[in-house]
Amino acid sequence: MPHERTAPPNPSAPSNLSAAASAPLPAAGSTHGRFVAFTAIGGVVAAAAAFASESLSLEPWAMFAGWVAWFTRPQSLTQGVHAVVCLWLGLVLAVLGRLSVEALVPTAGHAALPLTVFVLAVVVVGLRTAPVVNNMLAWFLGLIAFFAAHPEEIPTGLLELVAATAIGAIAGFLCQRLQRRFAPA
């Protein structure tokens, strides 16, 4: 199909932008209105959680690990809490992984990391059918968060990650509740 030429815009003609600006806002109960409300709630809650994290000198990216973990199982409060438990267990497992690598390097050399990762992955994947702790995605978020943070001091780093991810999980819970209340499907 050949390229069609269009006439240049006429400055005296009404633009779509001005027509959109003068259009009435959608009713709160409309599909578009619910979409906008749902989206705005998510943005406001995420911004508030990022502000809270930064105000407490915690890494906002770590807060979002908690947010993501919450939304891996948002069907109920119980499922959300289970997801956060898996995230935190993933953080603890990462600590054990780091200590294992440090202990194995003198004897295993470069094989220390792959051997440790194998064991960590077997644990996480092996728990995929266990009640409460079967959220592999949340486990791996915990592992990733700890290894990405690479804290110099393990206890302090672990506590900071738990605090940041707790803010994210609480924000996820609040976001979900507000969206259900003010922008129901």
N, C-alpha and C. Protein backbone atom coordinates (compact mmCIF):
# COMPACT_ATOMS: atom_id res chain seq x y z
N MET A 1 0.86 -1.17 0.00
CA MET A 1 0.00 0.00 0.00
C MET A 1 0.90 1.23 0.00
N PRO A 2 0.71 2.16 -0.95
CA PRO A 2 1.57 3.34 -1.01
C PRO A 2 1.32 4.24 0.18
N HIS A 3 2.34 5.01 0.51
CA HIS A 3 2.25 5.95 1.63
C HIS A 3 1.30 7.08 1.25
N GLU A 4 0.33 7.33 2.12
CA GLU A 4 -0.62 8.39 1.85
C GLU A 4 -0.14 9.68 2.49
N ARG A 5 -0.29 10.75 1.78
CA ARG A 5 0.07 12.06 2.32
C ARG A 5 -1.13 12.64 3.03
N THR A 6 -0.86 13.31 4.10
CA THR A 6 -1.94 13.98 4.81
C THR A 6 -1.69 15.47 4.77
N ALA A 7 -2.74 16.21 4.83
CA ALA A 7 -2.62 17.67 4.82
C ALA A 7 -2.03 18.13 6.14
N PRO A 8 -1.27 19.23 6.12
CA PRO A 8 -0.72 19.74 7.38
C PRO A 8 -1.87 20.21 8.28
N PRO A 9 -1.64 20.19 9.59
CA PRO A 9 -2.71 20.59 10.50
C PRO A 9 -3.11 22.04 10.29
N ASN A 10 -4.39 22.30 10.42
CA ASN A 10 -4.93 23.64 10.28
C ASN A 10 -5.01 24.26 11.68
N PRO A 11 -4.23 25.33 11.94
CA PRO A 11 -4.22 25.90 13.28
C PRO A 11 -5.57 26.48 13.69
N SER A 12 -6.43 26.84 12.74
CA SER A 12 -7.73 27.42 13.11
C SER A 12 -8.78 26.34 13.38
N ALA A 13 -8.48 25.09 12.98
CA ALA A 13 -9.43 24.00 13.21
C ALA A 13 -9.32 23.53 14.66
N PRO A 14 -10.42 23.08 15.26
CA PRO A 14 -10.34 22.59 16.65
C PRO A 14 -9.48 21.33 16.70
N SER A 15 -8.61 21.28 17.68
CA SER A 15 -7.73 20.12 17.80
C SER A 15 -8.39 19.06 18.66
N ASN A 16 -7.90 17.84 18.51
CA ASN A 16 -8.40 16.75 19.34
C ASN A 16 -8.07 16.99 20.80
N LEU A 17 -6.95 17.65 21.07
CA LEU A 17 -6.55 17.92 22.44
C LEU A 17 -7.56 18.82 23.12
N SER A 18 -7.97 19.89 22.44
CA SER A 18 -8.94 20.79 23.07
C SER A 18 -10.30 20.11 23.21
N ALA A 19 -10.64 19.25 22.27
CA ALA A 19 -11.90 18.52 22.37
C ALA A 19 -11.85 17.56 23.55
N ALA A 20 -10.70 16.90 23.74
CA ALA A 20 -10.55 15.98 24.87
C ALA A 20 -10.58 16.74 26.19
N ALA A 21 -9.97 17.91 26.22
CA ALA A 21 -9.93 18.69 27.46
C ALA A 21 -11.32 19.17 27.86
N SER A 22 -12.18 19.41 26.89
CA SER A 22 -13.52 19.90 27.22
C SER A 22 -14.52 18.77 27.40
N ALA A 23 -14.11 17.54 27.11
CA ALA A 23 -15.02 16.40 27.26
C ALA A 23 -15.29 16.17 28.75
N PRO A 24 -16.50 15.76 29.07
CA PRO A 24 -16.81 15.50 30.48
C PRO A 24 -16.03 14.31 31.00
N LEU A 25 -15.70 14.33 32.28
CA LEU A 25 -15.00 13.20 32.90
C LEU A 25 -15.95 12.02 32.97
N PRO A 26 -15.39 10.81 32.86
CA PRO A 26 -16.26 9.63 32.92
C PRO A 26 -16.86 9.49 34.31
N ALA A 27 -18.03 8.91 34.36
CA ALA A 27 -18.69 8.69 35.64
C ALA A 27 -17.86 7.71 36.47
N ALA A 28 -17.93 7.88 37.78
CA ALA A 28 -17.12 7.05 38.68
C ALA A 28 -17.40 5.57 38.50
N GLY A 29 -18.61 5.21 38.17
CA GLY A 29 -18.95 3.80 38.01
C GLY A 29 -18.65 3.23 36.64
N SER A 30 -18.21 4.07 35.70
CA SER A 30 -17.94 3.58 34.36
C SER A 30 -16.67 2.75 34.34
N THR A 31 -16.54 1.95 33.30
CA THR A 31 -15.34 1.13 33.15
C THR A 31 -14.10 2.01 33.10
N HIS A 32 -14.15 3.07 32.32
CA HIS A 32 -13.00 3.97 32.21
C HIS A 32 -12.71 4.64 33.55
N GLY A 33 -13.74 5.06 34.24
CA GLY A 33 -13.57 5.70 35.56
C GLY A 33 -12.92 4.76 36.56
N ARG A 34 -13.35 3.49 36.55
CA ARG A 34 -12.74 2.50 37.45
C ARG A 34 -11.29 2.25 37.07
N PHE A 35 -11.02 2.21 35.78
CA PHE A 35 -9.64 2.01 35.31
C PHE A 35 -8.74 3.14 35.81
N VAL A 36 -9.21 4.36 35.65
CA VAL A 36 -8.42 5.53 36.08
C VAL A 36 -8.24 5.51 37.60
N ALA A 37 -9.30 5.22 38.34
CA ALA A 37 -9.21 5.18 39.80
C ALA A 37 -8.25 4.07 40.25
N PHE A 38 -8.38 2.90 39.66
CA PHE A 38 -7.51 1.76 39.99
C PHE A 38 -6.05 2.13 39.77
N THR A 39 -5.78 2.74 38.62
CA THR A 39 -4.42 3.13 38.26
C THR A 39 -3.89 4.21 39.20
N ALA A 40 -4.69 5.22 39.47
CA ALA A 40 -4.26 6.31 40.34
C ALA A 40 -3.97 5.81 41.76
N ILE A 41 -4.81 4.92 42.26
CA ILE A 41 -4.58 4.35 43.59
C ILE A 41 -3.23 3.63 43.63
N GLY A 42 -2.97 2.82 42.60
CA GLY A 42 -1.68 2.12 42.54
C GLY A 42 -0.50 3.07 42.54
N GLY A 43 -0.61 4.15 41.76
CA GLY A 43 0.47 5.13 41.70
C GLY A 43 0.69 5.86 43.01
N VAL A 44 -0.40 6.27 43.63
CA VAL A 44 -0.30 7.01 44.90
C VAL A 44 0.29 6.13 46.00
N VAL A 45 -0.19 4.90 46.11
CA VAL A 45 0.31 4.00 47.15
C VAL A 45 1.77 3.66 46.91
N ALA A 46 2.14 3.40 45.68
CA ALA A 46 3.55 3.09 45.37
C ALA A 46 4.44 4.29 45.70
N ALA A 47 4.00 5.49 45.36
CA ALA A 47 4.78 6.69 45.65
C ALA A 47 4.92 6.89 47.16
N ALA A 48 3.84 6.65 47.90
CA ALA A 48 3.90 6.79 49.36
C ALA A 48 4.86 5.76 49.97
N ALA A 49 4.84 4.54 49.45
CA ALA A 49 5.74 3.50 49.95
C ALA A 49 7.19 3.83 49.62
N ALA A 50 7.44 4.37 48.43
CA ALA A 50 8.80 4.77 48.07
C ALA A 50 9.27 5.91 48.98
N PHE A 51 8.38 6.86 49.25
CA PHE A 51 8.72 7.97 50.16
C PHE A 51 9.02 7.43 51.56
N ALA A 52 8.20 6.53 52.05
CA ALA A 52 8.43 5.95 53.38
C ALA A 52 9.77 5.22 53.43
N SER A 53 10.07 4.46 52.40
CA SER A 53 11.35 3.73 52.35
C SER A 53 12.52 4.69 52.37
N GLU A 54 12.46 5.67 51.52
CA GLU A 54 13.55 6.62 51.43
C GLU A 54 13.68 7.43 52.72
N SER A 55 12.56 7.78 53.33
CA SER A 55 12.59 8.53 54.59
C SER A 55 13.24 7.73 55.71
N LEU A 56 13.15 6.42 55.64
CA LEU A 56 13.76 5.54 56.65
C LEU A 56 15.14 5.06 56.22
N SER A 57 15.68 5.67 55.17
CA SER A 57 17.00 5.30 54.62
C SER A 57 17.05 3.85 54.17
N LEU A 58 15.92 3.37 53.65
CA LEU A 58 15.86 2.03 53.08
C LEU A 58 15.80 2.17 51.56
N GLU A 59 16.24 1.15 50.88
CA GLU A 59 16.27 1.19 49.42
C GLU A 59 14.87 0.99 48.84
N PRO A 60 14.39 1.97 48.07
CA PRO A 60 13.06 1.79 47.45
C PRO A 60 12.97 0.56 46.54
N TRP A 61 14.06 0.19 45.88
CA TRP A 61 14.00 -1.00 45.02
C TRP A 61 13.70 -2.24 45.87
N ALA A 62 14.24 -2.28 47.10
CA ALA A 62 13.98 -3.42 47.98
C ALA A 62 12.52 -3.42 48.44
N MET A 63 11.97 -2.23 48.65
CA MET A 63 10.55 -2.13 49.00
C MET A 63 9.70 -2.76 47.91
N PHE A 64 10.08 -2.52 46.66
CA PHE A 64 9.29 -3.07 45.56
C PHE A 64 9.38 -4.59 45.49
N ALA A 65 10.41 -5.20 46.06
CA ALA A 65 10.44 -6.66 46.14
C ALA A 65 9.29 -7.15 47.01
N GLY A 66 9.01 -6.44 48.10
CA GLY A 66 7.87 -6.78 48.95
C GLY A 66 6.55 -6.55 48.24
N TRP A 67 6.47 -5.46 47.50
CA TRP A 67 5.27 -5.13 46.71
C TRP A 67 4.99 -6.26 45.71
N VAL A 68 6.01 -6.65 44.97
CA VAL A 68 5.86 -7.70 43.96
C VAL A 68 5.49 -9.03 44.63
N ALA A 69 6.16 -9.34 45.74
CA ALA A 69 5.84 -10.59 46.44
C ALA A 69 4.37 -10.61 46.84
N TRP A 70 3.87 -9.50 47.38
CA TRP A 70 2.46 -9.44 47.77
C TRP A 70 1.55 -9.76 46.59
N PHE A 71 1.85 -9.17 45.46
CA PHE A 71 0.97 -9.33 44.30
C PHE A 71 1.18 -10.64 43.54
N THR A 72 2.10 -11.50 44.01
CA THR A 72 2.19 -12.82 43.39
C THR A 72 1.02 -13.69 43.82
N ARG A 73 0.42 -13.39 44.98
CA ARG A 73 -0.73 -14.15 45.48
C ARG A 73 -1.74 -13.22 46.14
N PRO A 74 -2.35 -12.34 45.37
CA PRO A 74 -3.23 -11.35 45.99
C PRO A 74 -4.66 -11.83 46.24
N GLN A 75 -4.91 -13.14 46.11
CA GLN A 75 -6.29 -13.62 46.24
C GLN A 75 -6.87 -13.37 47.62
N SER A 76 -6.04 -13.41 48.66
CA SER A 76 -6.54 -13.24 50.02
C SER A 76 -5.42 -12.72 50.91
N LEU A 77 -5.80 -12.26 52.07
CA LEU A 77 -4.82 -11.80 53.05
C LEU A 77 -3.88 -12.94 53.41
N THR A 78 -4.42 -14.12 53.62
CA THR A 78 -3.60 -15.28 53.98
C THR A 78 -2.58 -15.59 52.89
N GLN A 79 -3.02 -15.62 51.63
CA GLN A 79 -2.09 -15.90 50.54
C GLN A 79 -1.02 -14.82 50.41
N GLY A 80 -1.40 -13.56 50.62
CA GLY A 80 -0.42 -12.48 50.59
C GLY A 80 0.61 -12.62 51.69
N VAL A 81 0.16 -12.97 52.88
CA VAL A 81 1.09 -13.18 54.00
C VAL A 81 2.00 -14.36 53.71
N HIS A 82 1.46 -15.42 53.14
CA HIS A 82 2.30 -16.57 52.77
C HIS A 82 3.37 -16.16 51.77
N ALA A 83 3.02 -15.30 50.83
CA ALA A 83 3.99 -14.83 49.85
C ALA A 83 5.12 -14.06 50.53
N VAL A 84 4.78 -13.22 51.49
CA VAL A 84 5.79 -12.44 52.20
C VAL A 84 6.67 -13.36 53.06
N VAL A 85 6.07 -14.37 53.66
CA VAL A 85 6.85 -15.35 54.42
C VAL A 85 7.87 -16.01 53.50
N CYS A 86 7.45 -16.39 52.30
CA CYS A 86 8.38 -17.00 51.34
C CYS A 86 9.49 -16.03 50.96
N LEU A 87 9.14 -14.77 50.76
CA LEU A 87 10.14 -13.75 50.46
C LEU A 87 11.18 -13.69 51.58
N TRP A 88 10.72 -13.60 52.81
CA TRP A 88 11.64 -13.50 53.94
C TRP A 88 12.46 -14.77 54.13
N LEU A 89 11.85 -15.93 53.89
CA LEU A 89 12.61 -17.17 53.94
C LEU A 89 13.66 -17.19 52.83
N GLY A 90 13.33 -16.61 51.68
CA GLY A 90 14.31 -16.49 50.60
C GLY A 90 15.49 -15.62 51.01
N LEU A 91 15.23 -14.56 51.77
CA LEU A 91 16.32 -13.72 52.28
C LEU A 91 17.22 -14.54 53.21
N VAL A 92 16.61 -15.31 54.10
CA VAL A 92 17.38 -16.13 55.05
C VAL A 92 18.15 -17.21 54.29
N LEU A 93 17.52 -17.82 53.31
CA LEU A 93 18.21 -18.83 52.51
C LEU A 93 19.40 -18.22 51.78
N ALA A 94 19.25 -16.99 51.33
CA ALA A 94 20.36 -16.30 50.66
C ALA A 94 21.53 -16.08 51.62
N VAL A 95 21.21 -15.76 52.87
CA VAL A 95 22.27 -15.62 53.88
C VAL A 95 23.02 -16.93 54.01
N LEU A 96 22.29 -18.03 54.11
CA LEU A 96 22.93 -19.34 54.20
C LEU A 96 23.76 -19.63 52.94
N GLY A 97 23.24 -19.21 51.80
CA GLY A 97 23.97 -19.39 50.55
C GLY A 97 25.27 -18.61 50.54
N ARG A 98 25.20 -17.38 50.99
CA ARG A 98 26.42 -16.55 51.03
C ARG A 98 27.45 -17.16 51.97
N LEU A 99 27.02 -17.59 53.14
CA LEU A 99 27.94 -18.21 54.10
C LEU A 99 28.51 -19.51 53.54
N SER A 100 27.69 -20.26 52.81
CA SER A 100 28.16 -21.50 52.19
C SER A 100 29.24 -21.23 51.15
N VAL A 101 29.00 -20.24 50.30
CA VAL A 101 29.99 -19.90 49.28
C VAL A 101 31.30 -19.50 49.95
N GLU A 102 31.21 -18.65 50.97
CA GLU A 102 32.43 -18.21 51.67
C GLU A 102 33.17 -19.39 52.30
N ALA A 103 32.42 -20.36 52.82
CA ALA A 103 33.04 -21.53 53.45
C ALA A 103 33.61 -22.49 52.41
N LEU A 104 32.99 -22.58 51.25
CA LEU A 104 33.42 -23.54 50.23
C LEU A 104 34.54 -23.04 49.32
N VAL A 105 34.70 -21.73 49.20
CA VAL A 105 35.71 -21.19 48.27
C VAL A 105 37.11 -21.75 48.52
N PRO A 106 37.57 -21.86 49.77
CA PRO A 106 38.93 -22.40 49.96
C PRO A 106 39.13 -23.81 49.41
N THR A 107 38.09 -24.63 49.43
CA THR A 107 38.26 -26.01 48.94
C THR A 107 37.68 -26.22 47.53
N ALA A 108 36.58 -25.56 47.22
CA ALA A 108 35.92 -25.79 45.93
C ALA A 108 36.28 -24.75 44.88
N GLY A 109 36.89 -23.65 45.28
CA GLY A 109 37.28 -22.61 44.33
C GLY A 109 36.07 -22.03 43.60
N HIS A 110 36.19 -21.95 42.27
CA HIS A 110 35.12 -21.36 41.46
C HIS A 110 33.85 -22.22 41.43
N ALA A 111 33.94 -23.45 41.86
CA ALA A 111 32.76 -24.33 41.89
C ALA A 111 31.87 -24.03 43.10
N ALA A 112 32.37 -23.23 44.05
CA ALA A 112 31.59 -22.95 45.27
C ALA A 112 30.24 -22.30 44.94
N LEU A 113 30.23 -21.32 44.07
CA LEU A 113 28.98 -20.63 43.74
C LEU A 113 27.99 -21.56 43.02
N PRO A 114 28.38 -22.24 41.94
CA PRO A 114 27.40 -23.12 41.28
C PRO A 114 26.90 -24.24 42.20
N LEU A 115 27.77 -24.78 43.04
CA LEU A 115 27.32 -25.83 43.97
C LEU A 115 26.29 -25.27 44.95
N THR A 116 26.54 -24.10 45.45
CA THR A 116 25.61 -23.48 46.39
C THR A 116 24.30 -23.13 45.71
N VAL A 117 24.37 -22.56 44.52
CA VAL A 117 23.15 -22.21 43.78
C VAL A 117 22.33 -23.46 43.50
N PHE A 118 22.98 -24.55 43.18
CA PHE A 118 22.27 -25.81 42.96
C PHE A 118 21.47 -26.20 44.20
N VAL A 119 22.11 -26.15 45.35
CA VAL A 119 21.43 -26.53 46.60
C VAL A 119 20.28 -25.57 46.90
N LEU A 120 20.51 -24.26 46.73
CA LEU A 120 19.46 -23.28 46.99
C LEU A 120 18.26 -23.52 46.07
N ALA A 121 18.53 -23.73 44.80
CA ALA A 121 17.44 -23.95 43.84
C ALA A 121 16.69 -25.24 44.14
N VAL A 122 17.40 -26.29 44.54
CA VAL A 122 16.74 -27.55 44.89
C VAL A 122 15.81 -27.34 46.09
N VAL A 123 16.26 -26.58 47.07
CA VAL A 123 15.41 -26.30 48.24
C VAL A 123 14.14 -25.57 47.81
N VAL A 124 14.31 -24.49 47.06
CA VAL A 124 13.15 -23.67 46.67
C VAL A 124 12.20 -24.45 45.77
N VAL A 125 12.72 -25.07 44.76
CA VAL A 125 11.86 -25.81 43.83
C VAL A 125 11.25 -27.02 44.52
N GLY A 126 11.98 -27.61 45.44
CA GLY A 126 11.45 -28.75 46.19
C GLY A 126 10.29 -28.39 47.09
N LEU A 127 10.20 -27.14 47.48
CA LEU A 127 9.11 -26.70 48.37
C LEU A 127 7.86 -26.25 47.59
N ARG A 128 7.87 -26.39 46.29
CA ARG A 128 6.78 -25.85 45.47
C ARG A 128 5.42 -26.47 45.77
N THR A 129 5.37 -27.63 46.39
CA THR A 129 4.08 -28.25 46.72
C THR A 129 3.78 -28.21 48.21
N ALA A 130 4.68 -27.63 48.99
CA ALA A 130 4.47 -27.57 50.44
C ALA A 130 3.50 -26.44 50.80
N PRO A 131 2.53 -26.71 51.65
CA PRO A 131 1.60 -25.65 52.05
C PRO A 131 2.35 -24.47 52.67
N VAL A 132 1.84 -23.31 52.49
CA VAL A 132 2.34 -22.03 53.03
C VAL A 132 3.61 -21.56 52.32
N VAL A 133 4.58 -22.42 52.12
CA VAL A 133 5.89 -22.00 51.58
C VAL A 133 6.07 -22.41 50.12
N ASN A 134 5.01 -22.49 49.36
CA ASN A 134 5.07 -23.00 47.98
C ASN A 134 5.14 -21.90 46.92
N ASN A 135 5.48 -20.69 47.31
CA ASN A 135 5.54 -19.58 46.34
C ASN A 135 6.99 -19.41 45.86
N MET A 136 7.33 -20.14 44.81
CA MET A 136 8.71 -20.11 44.31
C MET A 136 9.14 -18.70 43.89
N LEU A 137 8.24 -17.95 43.26
CA LEU A 137 8.58 -16.61 42.82
C LEU A 137 9.00 -15.74 44.00
N ALA A 138 8.27 -15.81 45.10
CA ALA A 138 8.60 -15.01 46.28
C ALA A 138 9.92 -15.47 46.90
N TRP A 139 10.16 -16.77 46.94
CA TRP A 139 11.45 -17.28 47.42
C TRP A 139 12.60 -16.68 46.60
N PHE A 140 12.45 -16.75 45.28
CA PHE A 140 13.51 -16.24 44.41
C PHE A 140 13.65 -14.73 44.52
N LEU A 141 12.55 -14.01 44.77
CA LEU A 141 12.66 -12.57 45.02
C LEU A 141 13.53 -12.31 46.25
N GLY A 142 13.35 -13.11 47.28
CA GLY A 142 14.17 -12.97 48.48
C GLY A 142 15.64 -13.23 48.20
N LEU A 143 15.90 -14.30 47.46
CA LEU A 143 17.29 -14.61 47.09
C LEU A 143 17.90 -13.47 46.27
N ILE A 144 17.16 -13.01 45.29
CA ILE A 144 17.65 -11.94 44.42
C ILE A 144 17.91 -10.67 45.23
N ALA A 145 16.95 -10.31 46.09
CA ALA A 145 17.09 -9.07 46.87
C ALA A 145 18.34 -9.11 47.74
N PHE A 146 18.58 -10.22 48.42
CA PHE A 146 19.75 -10.29 49.28
C PHE A 146 21.04 -10.22 48.47
N PHE A 147 21.12 -11.00 47.39
CA PHE A 147 22.34 -11.01 46.59
C PHE A 147 22.55 -9.68 45.86
N ALA A 148 21.46 -9.02 45.48
CA ALA A 148 21.60 -7.71 44.84
C ALA A 148 22.07 -6.66 45.83
N ALA A 149 21.58 -6.73 47.06
CA ALA A 149 21.99 -5.77 48.08
C ALA A 149 23.44 -6.00 48.50
N HIS A 150 23.85 -7.24 48.50
CA HIS A 150 25.20 -7.63 48.89
C HIS A 150 25.68 -6.84 50.12
N PRO A 151 24.96 -6.99 51.22
CA PRO A 151 25.33 -6.21 52.41
C PRO A 151 26.67 -6.64 53.00
N GLU A 152 27.42 -5.65 53.45
CA GLU A 152 28.70 -5.96 54.09
C GLU A 152 28.47 -6.69 55.41
N GLU A 153 27.52 -6.18 56.19
CA GLU A 153 27.17 -6.78 57.47
C GLU A 153 25.87 -7.56 57.28
N ILE A 154 25.92 -8.86 57.45
CA ILE A 154 24.74 -9.69 57.18
C ILE A 154 23.56 -9.34 58.09
N PRO A 155 23.72 -9.27 59.42
CA PRO A 155 22.54 -9.01 60.25
C PRO A 155 21.86 -7.67 59.93
N THR A 156 22.66 -6.62 59.79
CA THR A 156 22.10 -5.30 59.48
C THR A 156 21.45 -5.30 58.11
N GLY A 157 22.13 -5.87 57.13
CA GLY A 157 21.58 -5.92 55.78
C GLY A 157 20.28 -6.71 55.72
N LEU A 158 20.24 -7.82 56.44
CA LEU A 158 19.03 -8.64 56.47
C LEU A 158 17.87 -7.87 57.10
N LEU A 159 18.12 -7.21 58.20
CA LEU A 159 17.07 -6.42 58.86
C LEU A 159 16.57 -5.28 57.97
N GLU A 160 17.48 -4.62 57.28
CA GLU A 160 17.07 -3.54 56.37
C GLU A 160 16.21 -4.08 55.23
N LEU A 161 16.58 -5.23 54.71
CA LEU A 161 15.79 -5.83 53.63
C LEU A 161 14.41 -6.29 54.13
N VAL A 162 14.37 -6.84 55.33
CA VAL A 162 13.08 -7.24 55.90
C VAL A 162 12.19 -6.00 56.09
N ALA A 163 12.78 -4.92 56.60
CA ALA A 163 12.00 -3.69 56.81
C ALA A 163 11.50 -3.12 55.49
N ALA A 164 12.39 -3.04 54.51
CA ALA A 164 11.99 -2.47 53.21
C ALA A 164 10.93 -3.32 52.54
N THR A 165 11.10 -4.65 52.56
CA THR A 165 10.11 -5.51 51.92
C THR A 165 8.80 -5.52 52.69
N ALA A 166 8.86 -5.31 54.01
CA ALA A 166 7.62 -5.20 54.79
C ALA A 166 6.84 -3.97 54.37
N ILE A 167 7.53 -2.86 54.16
CA ILE A 167 6.86 -1.64 53.67
C ILE A 167 6.19 -1.93 52.33
N GLY A 168 6.90 -2.61 51.45
CA GLY A 168 6.33 -2.94 50.14
C GLY A 168 5.13 -3.86 50.25
N ALA A 169 5.21 -4.86 51.12
CA ALA A 169 4.09 -5.79 51.28
C ALA A 169 2.87 -5.09 51.89
N ILE A 170 3.11 -4.24 52.88
CA ILE A 170 2.01 -3.48 53.48
C ILE A 170 1.39 -2.55 52.44
N ALA A 171 2.24 -1.93 51.64
CA ALA A 171 1.73 -1.06 50.58
C ALA A 171 0.92 -1.87 49.58
N GLY A 172 1.37 -3.06 49.23
CA GLY A 172 0.61 -3.92 48.33
C GLY A 172 -0.75 -4.26 48.90
N PHE A 173 -0.77 -4.59 50.18
CA PHE A 173 -2.03 -4.89 50.85
C PHE A 173 -2.96 -3.68 50.83
N LEU A 174 -2.44 -2.51 51.20
CA LEU A 174 -3.25 -1.29 51.22
C LEU A 174 -3.75 -0.94 49.82
N CYS A 175 -2.88 -1.06 48.85
CA CYS A 175 -3.26 -0.78 47.46
C CYS A 175 -4.41 -1.68 47.03
N GLN A 176 -4.27 -2.94 47.30
CA GLN A 176 -5.30 -3.89 46.93
C GLN A 176 -6.63 -3.57 47.62
N ARG A 177 -6.59 -3.27 48.89
CA ARG A 177 -7.82 -2.95 49.64
C ARG A 177 -8.45 -1.66 49.13
N LEU A 178 -7.64 -0.65 48.88
CA LEU A 178 -8.17 0.63 48.38
C LEU A 178 -8.77 0.45 46.99
N GLN A 179 -8.10 -0.33 46.15
CA GLN A 179 -8.61 -0.57 44.81
C GLN A 179 -9.94 -1.32 44.85
N ARG A 180 -10.06 -2.28 45.74
CA ARG A 180 -11.33 -3.01 45.87
C ARG A 180 -12.45 -2.10 46.38
N ARG A 181 -12.09 -1.18 47.24
CA ARG A 181 -13.09 -0.28 47.84
C ARG A 181 -13.53 0.81 46.87
N PHE A 182 -12.53 1.45 46.20
CA PHE A 182 -12.84 2.64 45.40
C PHE A 182 -12.86 2.39 43.89
N ALA A 183 -12.38 1.24 43.45
CA ALA A 183 -12.40 0.93 42.00
C ALA A 183 -12.73 -0.53 41.79
N PRO A 184 -13.88 -0.97 42.32
CA PRO A 184 -14.20 -2.40 42.20
C PRO A 184 -14.38 -2.81 40.74
N ALA A 185 -14.06 -4.06 40.49
CA ALA A 185 -14.16 -4.59 39.12
C ALA A 185 -15.58 -4.68 38.64
